[in-house]
């Protein structure tokens, strides 16, 4: 979340995070993952869909699972250097309906957090498509073909076209994703390992769409904005703890366990319609377990301690929220033959 996010429930709980990636074992022959850790691109389409009722719709979605990789390769061949990829995730209720058991150990419905005036809302969503490329035409074409293949088996309930904004900045002007893990550390923080061997190589992903009150935000001085975020705006340097407010975004989204920071992988993107006065950030965070992301959201919306909430939420409203499991690429294809 490093810049915009939110989610989950006024219920407070005590999460038990997996051990940090540096101390927790990964399987030796982990299945081929989906493109979770691929390089960040300049364009993306985020689509959330719900399943139609009936067994025919469920069967069509299962069969579609083995076609995703082929469709992605086919479209990607048009621009080989375009870095096209597609990540598919399934919500908790959809997993049970489509595939039955066994199920990912930590998959559950999206939890809501916070009071009514700054709530991380849960919204409908059975299927998530995260399509990325360095050209929007590639994203658009793949989205068109994937949705056409699904037909009336699903209904798209939310679609956002995101773009990379200058030097990785969010629409509010600060660099986003600064603390993302890289390389092998990214794999360790995002991919399920020996803790749930039947689903190793998979990942959990939490998404939220935020709308920003840019008029109110732009009324703040740069120094005031920096105190809200906890970083400098131009140079993207974290403020010293002696001056960084405990209610700043960066302070509340830093999670540690046993003295080591537990990281997530963000691929947030700005979106908007200037003519309609709509300016937003699509938050998408991948992790080995949903618990670190949910703890960040609880800190943001409820506060750490309660009431010491993320002041970015005075200018940003979460209008969607969903949690999905991203199976490994190998399992995604195999799910076509799974019966609930």
Foldseek 3Di string as FASTA:
>chain_A
DQPDDFFAAQDDDDDDDDPALVPDDFDPCFFFFFCPAPDFAFKKKKWFKDFDDDPVLLLLVLQLLQCLVVLQVVLCVVPVQFPKGKFKWFADVLCCQNFNDDDDPFGDWIHKHADPLAIRDADDGGMIIIIHTNDVVSNVVSVVVSDVSSDNRIDTPDMFMFGQDPQCAAPLQAHPQPPADHDPSQCSWFFAGPVGPVQTSKKKKKKWKKWFPNVVSVVDDQVVVCLLSQARRPPGHGHDPVRRDCQHLVNLLFDDDPRHTRDWGWNKGWGADVVVPTTIIMTMTIGNHCVSVVSSNNCARQHVVGPSHRCSSVTMHTPYITMTMGGGSVVSSVSSPHDD
